[in-house]
Amino acid sequence: MTTPLPDPATRKYDQGFARWVRDNVNGGDKLSMCMQCGVCSGSCPIGAQMDYGPRKLFMMIRAGMKEEVLSSNTIWNCTSCYRCVVRCPREVPVTYILQDLAAKAADMGYADKTENNKFAKSFWWSAAAFGRTDERLVTALYYFSFGFAEGIKRGLANLKIAFGLIKAGRMHLTAPHAIKDKKGLKAILDKAAEIDKRDGAGQ
């Protein structure tokens, strides 16, 4: 579903945003090659789930619509199937641009405004705690991140799916399954955090 853009009379433009994307986003230096043909959006398997789609998002970057671009769910909904990259007649690295825009948006605090970030936090908590994902806990944490009442509402709305998964043996009812070497997992995650902090401080 397309999100309506703000009224042009009140919309804020950042005329340096396109240059910033060119200089700071992976693949951004190729953005000027985009001729707005729409092949990327037309090739996207989940384009209907994006508020703008890559073609329109690139136009918005050129227009200096920084807030709308970095708050868009288009950069988060990309599944990295690379259809857009393969089919682009100008060889614009669409996927890389969307991925790095999402990373930059997270660094700048925009990600907290998106549902995707709430789900990512729930998913990561389970992976870090158990070394694998527990669908029940991930789903519960995600649902209740919107508030207690909303969590109950979403849970009840999906009971039929949950019972179906249990019946098919795809969801267990016992304690969360964890990997054996949780100490090793912690060491890996601590090292990754150390590298991330070091690289971030050097930018």
C-alpha atoms as a PDB file:
ATOM      1  CA  MET A   1       0.000   0.000   0.000  1.00  0.00           C
ATOM      2  CA  THR A   2       1.396   3.367  -1.026  1.00  0.00           C
ATOM      3  CA  THR A   3       1.855   5.887   1.772  1.00  0.00           C
ATOM      4  CA  PRO A   4       0.625   9.365   0.798  1.00  0.00           C
ATOM      5  CA  LEU A   5       3.394  11.937   0.715  1.00  0.00           C
ATOM      6  CA  PRO A   6       3.231  15.069   2.878  1.00  0.00           C
ATOM      7  CA  ASP A   7       1.576  18.184   1.500  1.00  0.00           C
ATOM      8  CA  PRO A   8       4.096  19.940  -0.799  1.00  0.00           C
ATOM      9  CA  ALA A   9       3.448  23.172   1.084  1.00  0.00           C
ATOM     10  CA  THR A  10       4.747  21.689   4.349  1.00  0.00           C
ATOM     11  CA  ARG A  11       7.244  19.177   2.995  1.00  0.00           C
ATOM     12  CA  LYS A  12      10.902  19.716   3.933  1.00  0.00           C
ATOM     13  CA  TYR A  13      13.623  19.177   1.363  1.00  0.00           C
ATOM     14  CA  ASP A  14      17.326  18.521   1.921  1.00  0.00           C
ATOM     15  CA  GLN A  15      19.020  19.460  -1.334  1.00  0.00           C
ATOM     16  CA  GLY A  16      22.275  17.873  -0.187  1.00  0.00           C
ATOM     17  CA  PHE A  17      20.685  14.474   0.494  1.00  0.00           C
ATOM     18  CA  ALA A  18      21.343  13.040  -2.979  1.00  0.00           C
ATOM     19  CA  ARG A  19      25.024  13.963  -2.664  1.00  0.00           C
ATOM     20  CA  TRP A  20      25.124  12.401   0.790  1.00  0.00           C
ATOM     21  CA  VAL A  21      23.680   9.157  -0.589  1.00  0.00           C
ATOM     22  CA  ARG A  22      26.213   9.245  -3.447  1.00  0.00           C
ATOM     23  CA  ASP A  23      29.154   9.666  -1.057  1.00  0.00           C
ATOM     24  CA  ASN A  24      28.056   7.525   1.914  1.00  0.00           C
ATOM     25  CA  VAL A  25      25.781   4.710   0.723  1.00  0.00           C
ATOM     26  CA  ASN A  26      27.109   1.546  -0.879  1.00  0.00           C
ATOM     27  CA  GLY A  27      26.198   1.787  -4.567  1.00  0.00           C
ATOM     28  CA  GLY A  28      25.041   5.373  -4.168  1.00  0.00           C
ATOM     29  CA  ASP A  29      27.550   6.571  -6.734  1.00  0.00           C
ATOM     30  CA  LYS A  30      25.546   4.631  -9.359  1.00  0.00           C
ATOM     31  CA  LEU A  31      22.214   6.195  -8.433  1.00  0.00           C
ATOM     32  CA  SER A  32      22.594   8.893 -11.075  1.00  0.00           C
ATOM     33  CA  MET A  33      22.411   6.120 -13.697  1.00  0.00           C
ATOM     34  CA  CYS A  34      18.767   5.419 -12.804  1.00  0.00           C
ATOM     35  CA  MET A  35      16.473   6.452 -15.670  1.00  0.00           C
ATOM     36  CA  GLN A  36      13.225   5.760 -13.768  1.00  0.00           C
ATOM     37  CA  CYS A  37      12.157   2.941 -16.090  1.00  0.00           C
ATOM     38  CA  GLY A  38      10.466   1.062 -13.245  1.00  0.00           C
ATOM     39  CA  VAL A  39      11.962  -2.359 -13.983  1.00  0.00           C
ATOM     40  CA  CYS A  40      13.172  -2.642 -10.365  1.00  0.00           C
ATOM     41  CA  SER A  41       9.741  -2.026  -8.846  1.00  0.00           C
ATOM     42  CA  GLY A  42       8.057  -4.162 -11.486  1.00  0.00           C
ATOM     43  CA  SER A  43      10.440  -7.041 -10.744  1.00  0.00           C
ATOM     44  CA  CYS A  44      10.073  -6.877  -6.960  1.00  0.00           C
ATOM     45  CA  PRO A  45       8.148  -9.891  -5.591  1.00  0.00           C
ATOM     46  CA  ILE A  46       6.901  -7.913  -2.591  1.00  0.00           C
ATOM     47  CA  GLY A  47       6.616  -4.494  -4.175  1.00  0.00           C
ATOM     48  CA  ALA A  48       2.969  -4.328  -3.093  1.00  0.00           C
ATOM     49  CA  GLN A  49       4.138  -4.453   0.539  1.00  0.00           C
ATOM     50  CA  MET A  50       6.402  -1.421   0.115  1.00  0.00           C
ATOM     51  CA  ASP A  51       5.150   2.078   0.749  1.00  0.00           C
ATOM     52  CA  TYR A  52       6.985   3.526  -2.261  1.00  0.00           C
ATOM     53  CA  GLY A  53       9.082   0.903  -4.057  1.00  0.00           C
ATOM     54  CA  PRO A  54      12.686   1.386  -5.269  1.00  0.00           C
ATOM     55  CA  ARG A  55      11.897   3.431  -8.406  1.00  0.00           C
ATOM     56  CA  LYS A  56       9.916   6.049  -6.514  1.00  0.00           C
ATOM     57  CA  LEU A  57      12.348   5.973  -3.588  1.00  0.00           C
ATOM     58  CA  PHE A  58      15.243   6.846  -5.912  1.00  0.00           C
ATOM     59  CA  MET A  59      13.247   9.754  -7.289  1.00  0.00           C
ATOM     60  CA  MET A  60      12.606  10.908  -3.708  1.00  0.00           C
ATOM     61  CA  ILE A  61      16.355  10.772  -2.972  1.00  0.00           C
ATOM     62  CA  ARG A  62      17.015  13.041  -5.939  1.00  0.00           C
ATOM     63  CA  ALA A  63      14.290  15.400  -4.716  1.00  0.00           C
ATOM     64  CA  GLY A  64      15.952  15.680  -1.293  1.00  0.00           C
ATOM     65  CA  MET A  65      13.143  13.986   0.639  1.00  0.00           C
ATOM     66  CA  LYS A  66      15.450  12.710   3.366  1.00  0.00           C
ATOM     67  CA  GLU A  67      12.874  12.159   6.125  1.00  0.00           C
ATOM     68  CA  GLU A  68      10.488  10.224   3.892  1.00  0.00           C
ATOM     69  CA  VAL A  69      13.276   8.063   2.443  1.00  0.00           C
ATOM     70  CA  LEU A  70      14.887   7.119   5.754  1.00  0.00           C
ATOM     71  CA  SER A  71      11.490   6.481   7.364  1.00  0.00           C
ATOM     72  CA  SER A  72      10.260   4.389   4.436  1.00  0.00           C
ATOM     73  CA  ASN A  73       9.520   0.680   4.848  1.00  0.00           C
ATOM     74  CA  THR A  74      10.856   0.099   1.314  1.00  0.00           C
ATOM     75  CA  ILE A  75      14.429  -0.080   2.590  1.00  0.00           C
ATOM     76  CA  TRP A  76      13.432  -2.643   5.220  1.00  0.00           C
ATOM     77  CA  ASN A  77      11.110  -4.824   3.162  1.00  0.00           C
ATOM     78  CA  CYS A  78      13.739  -5.681   0.550  1.00  0.00           C
ATOM     79  CA  THR A  79      14.311  -9.465   0.676  1.00  0.00           C
ATOM     80  CA  SER A  80      17.617  -9.326  -1.252  1.00  0.00           C
ATOM     81  CA  CYS A  81      16.378 -11.531  -4.091  1.00  0.00           C
ATOM     82  CA  TYR A  82      18.487  -9.393  -6.507  1.00  0.00           C
ATOM     83  CA  ARG A  83      15.908  -9.491  -9.315  1.00  0.00           C
ATOM     84  CA  CYS A  84      16.182  -5.720  -9.588  1.00  0.00           C
ATOM     85  CA  VAL A  85      19.974  -5.876  -9.830  1.00  0.00           C
ATOM     86  CA  VAL A  86      19.902  -8.575 -12.522  1.00  0.00           C
ATOM     87  CA  ARG A  87      17.219  -6.857 -14.607  1.00  0.00           C
ATOM     88  CA  CYS A  88      18.257  -3.193 -14.303  1.00  0.00           C
ATOM     89  CA  PRO A  89      19.206  -2.020 -17.834  1.00  0.00           C
ATOM     90  CA  ARG A  90      21.626   0.521 -16.370  1.00  0.00           C
ATOM     91  CA  GLU A  91      23.186  -1.936 -13.866  1.00  0.00           C
ATOM     92  CA  VAL A  92      22.230   0.159 -10.840  1.00  0.00           C
ATOM     93  CA  PRO A  93      22.936  -1.925  -7.682  1.00  0.00           C
ATOM     94  CA  VAL A  94      19.429  -1.393  -6.318  1.00  0.00           C
ATOM     95  CA  THR A  95      19.616  -4.041  -3.579  1.00  0.00           C
ATOM     96  CA  TYR A  96      22.915  -2.737  -2.226  1.00  0.00           C
ATOM     97  CA  ILE A  97      21.573   0.807  -2.075  1.00  0.00           C
ATOM     98  CA  LEU A  98      18.429  -0.270  -0.211  1.00  0.00           C
ATOM     99  CA  GLN A  99      20.404  -2.440   2.213  1.00  0.00           C
ATOM    100  CA  ASP A 100      22.881   0.281   3.093  1.00  0.00           C
ATOM    101  CA  LEU A 101      20.162   2.930   3.345  1.00  0.00           C
ATOM    102  CA  ALA A 102      18.529   0.679   5.948  1.00  0.00           C
ATOM    103  CA  ALA A 103      21.819   0.375   7.846  1.00  0.00           C
ATOM    104  CA  LYS A 104      22.335   4.140   7.738  1.00  0.00           C
ATOM    105  CA  ALA A 105      18.722   4.723   8.830  1.00  0.00           C
ATOM    106  CA  ALA A 106      19.307   2.443  11.827  1.00  0.00           C
ATOM    107  CA  ASP A 107      22.493   4.310  12.768  1.00  0.00           C
ATOM    108  CA  MET A 108      20.607   7.609  12.562  1.00  0.00           C
ATOM    109  CA  GLY A 109      17.698   6.463  14.732  1.00  0.00           C
ATOM    110  CA  TYR A 110      15.039   6.080  12.046  1.00  0.00           C
ATOM    111  CA  ALA A 111      14.743   2.303  12.405  1.00  0.00           C
ATOM    112  CA  ASP A 112      12.998   2.523  15.772  1.00  0.00           C
ATOM    113  CA  LYS A 113       9.968   3.938  13.955  1.00  0.00           C
ATOM    114  CA  THR A 114       9.445   0.785  11.902  1.00  0.00           C
ATOM    115  CA  GLU A 115       7.704  -2.503  12.663  1.00  0.00           C
ATOM    116  CA  ASN A 116      10.607  -4.282  10.966  1.00  0.00           C
ATOM    117  CA  ASN A 117      12.960  -3.089  13.673  1.00  0.00           C
ATOM    118  CA  LYS A 118      10.667  -4.397  16.402  1.00  0.00           C
ATOM    119  CA  PHE A 119      10.635  -7.804  14.753  1.00  0.00           C
ATOM    120  CA  ALA A 120      14.411  -7.744  14.194  1.00  0.00           C
ATOM    121  CA  LYS A 121      15.010  -7.039  17.892  1.00  0.00           C
ATOM    122  CA  SER A 122      12.756  -9.953  18.886  1.00  0.00           C
ATOM    123  CA  PHE A 123      14.438 -12.275  16.382  1.00  0.00           C
ATOM    124  CA  TRP A 124      17.932 -11.257  17.502  1.00  0.00           C
ATOM    125  CA  TRP A 125      17.093 -11.724  21.187  1.00  0.00           C
ATOM    126  CA  SER A 126      16.105 -15.347  20.575  1.00  0.00           C
ATOM    127  CA  ALA A 127      19.134 -16.035  18.375  1.00  0.00           C
ATOM    128  CA  ALA A 128      21.520 -14.526  20.926  1.00  0.00           C
ATOM    129  CA  ALA A 129      19.890 -16.232  23.916  1.00  0.00           C
ATOM    130  CA  PHE A 130      19.507 -19.743  22.501  1.00  0.00           C
ATOM    131  CA  GLY A 131      21.663 -19.867  19.374  1.00  0.00           C
ATOM    132  CA  ARG A 132      18.523 -20.415  17.314  1.00  0.00           C
ATOM    133  CA  THR A 133      15.100 -18.847  16.937  1.00  0.00           C
ATOM    134  CA  ASP A 134      12.068 -19.945  18.910  1.00  0.00           C
ATOM    135  CA  GLU A 135       9.038 -18.877  16.882  1.00  0.00           C
ATOM    136  CA  ARG A 136       6.811 -18.695  19.960  1.00  0.00           C
ATOM    137  CA  LEU A 137       9.080 -16.321  21.863  1.00  0.00           C
ATOM    138  CA  VAL A 138       9.967 -14.227  18.820  1.00  0.00           C
ATOM    139  CA  THR A 139       6.298 -13.811  17.954  1.00  0.00           C
ATOM    140  CA  ALA A 140       5.291 -13.032  21.548  1.00  0.00           C
ATOM    141  CA  LEU A 141       8.035 -10.434  22.010  1.00  0.00           C
ATOM    142  CA  TYR A 142       7.159  -8.850  18.674  1.00  0.00           C
ATOM    143  CA  TYR A 143       3.427  -8.690  19.368  1.00  0.00           C
ATOM    144  CA  PHE A 144       3.833  -7.286  22.886  1.00  0.00           C
ATOM    145  CA  SER A 145       6.338  -4.681  21.697  1.00  0.00           C
ATOM    146  CA  PHE A 146       3.233  -2.780  20.541  1.00  0.00           C
ATOM    147  CA  GLY A 147       1.736  -2.833  24.050  1.00  0.00           C
ATOM    148  CA  PHE A 148      -0.038  -5.412  26.223  1.00  0.00           C
ATOM    149  CA  ALA A 149      -3.508  -4.985  24.729  1.00  0.00           C
ATOM    150  CA  GLU A 150      -2.182  -5.082  21.154  1.00  0.00           C
ATOM    151  CA  GLY A 151      -0.096  -8.158  22.002  1.00  0.00           C
ATOM    152  CA  ILE A 152      -3.191 -10.035  23.232  1.00  0.00           C
ATOM    153  CA  LYS A 153      -5.171  -8.888  20.185  1.00  0.00           C
ATOM    154  CA  ARG A 154      -2.530 -10.052  17.700  1.00  0.00           C
ATOM    155  CA  GLY A 155      -2.005 -13.320  19.542  1.00  0.00           C
ATOM    156  CA  LEU A 156      -5.710 -14.207  19.523  1.00  0.00           C
ATOM    157  CA  ALA A 157      -5.947 -13.285  15.835  1.00  0.00           C
ATOM    158  CA  ASN A 158      -3.246 -15.851  15.021  1.00  0.00           C
ATOM    159  CA  LEU A 159      -4.332 -18.733  17.272  1.00  0.00           C
ATOM    160  CA  LYS A 160      -5.604 -20.726  14.305  1.00  0.00           C
ATOM    161  CA  ILE A 161      -2.183 -20.535  12.643  1.00  0.00           C
ATOM    162  CA  ALA A 162      -0.448 -21.510  15.896  1.00  0.00           C
ATOM    163  CA  PHE A 163      -2.685 -24.567  16.381  1.00  0.00           C
ATOM    164  CA  GLY A 164      -2.042 -25.560  12.777  1.00  0.00           C
ATOM    165  CA  LEU A 165       1.724 -25.413  13.317  1.00  0.00           C
ATOM    166  CA  ILE A 166       1.449 -27.470  16.500  1.00  0.00           C
ATOM    167  CA  LYS A 167      -0.724 -30.061  14.774  1.00  0.00           C
ATOM    168  CA  ALA A 168       1.756 -30.325  11.899  1.00  0.00           C
ATOM    169  CA  GLY A 169       4.658 -30.732  14.329  1.00  0.00           C
ATOM    170  CA  ARG A 170       6.230 -27.448  13.257  1.00  0.00           C
ATOM    171  CA  MET A 171       5.890 -25.792  16.681  1.00  0.00           C
ATOM    172  CA  HIS A 172       6.766 -27.508  19.959  1.00  0.00           C
ATOM    173  CA  LEU A 173       5.250 -26.830  23.394  1.00  0.00           C
ATOM    174  CA  THR A 174       8.289 -27.645  25.535  1.00  0.00           C
ATOM    175  CA  ALA A 175      11.076 -25.350  26.775  1.00  0.00           C
ATOM    176  CA  PRO A 176      13.044 -23.430  24.118  1.00  0.00           C
ATOM    177  CA  HIS A 177      15.658 -25.538  22.334  1.00  0.00           C
ATOM    178  CA  ALA A 178      19.181 -24.166  22.742  1.00  0.00           C
ATOM    179  CA  ILE A 179      22.520 -25.028  21.195  1.00  0.00           C
ATOM    180  CA  LYS A 180      25.029 -26.920  23.345  1.00  0.00           C
ATOM    181  CA  ASP A 181      27.937 -24.468  23.115  1.00  0.00           C
ATOM    182  CA  LYS A 182      26.268 -21.295  24.423  1.00  0.00           C
ATOM    183  CA  LYS A 183      29.616 -20.170  25.837  1.00  0.00           C
ATOM    184  CA  GLY A 184      31.152 -20.336  22.368  1.00  0.00           C
ATOM    185  CA  LEU A 185      28.205 -18.422  20.946  1.00  0.00           C
ATOM    186  CA  LYS A 186      28.664 -15.676  23.519  1.00  0.00           C
ATOM    187  CA  ALA A 187      32.352 -15.400  22.641  1.00  0.00           C
ATOM    188  CA  ILE A 188      31.484 -15.020  18.945  1.00  0.00           C
ATOM    189  CA  LEU A 189      28.852 -12.357  19.640  1.00  0.00           C
ATOM    190  CA  ASP A 190      31.178 -10.464  22.000  1.00  0.00           C
ATOM    191  CA  LYS A 191      33.906 -10.454  19.356  1.00  0.00           C
ATOM    192  CA  ALA A 192      31.451  -9.280  16.697  1.00  0.00           C
ATOM    193  CA  ALA A 193      30.318  -6.446  18.992  1.00  0.00           C
ATOM    194  CA  GLU A 194      33.961  -5.503  19.619  1.00  0.00           C
ATOM    195  CA  ILE A 195      34.703  -5.350  15.875  1.00  0.00           C
ATOM    196  CA  ASP A 196      31.526  -3.371  15.201  1.00  0.00           C
ATOM    197  CA  LYS A 197      32.381  -0.864  17.922  1.00  0.00           C
ATOM    198  CA  ARG A 198      35.943  -0.531  16.664  1.00  0.00           C
ATOM    199  CA  ASP A 199      34.923  -0.046  13.045  1.00  0.00           C
ATOM    200  CA  GLY A 200      32.203   2.399  14.028  1.00  0.00           C
ATOM    201  CA  ALA A 201      34.636   4.495  16.044  1.00  0.00           C
ATOM    202  CA  GLY A 202      36.958   4.664  13.061  1.00  0.00           C
ATOM    203  CA  GLN A 203      34.363   6.145  10.697  1.00  0.00           C
END
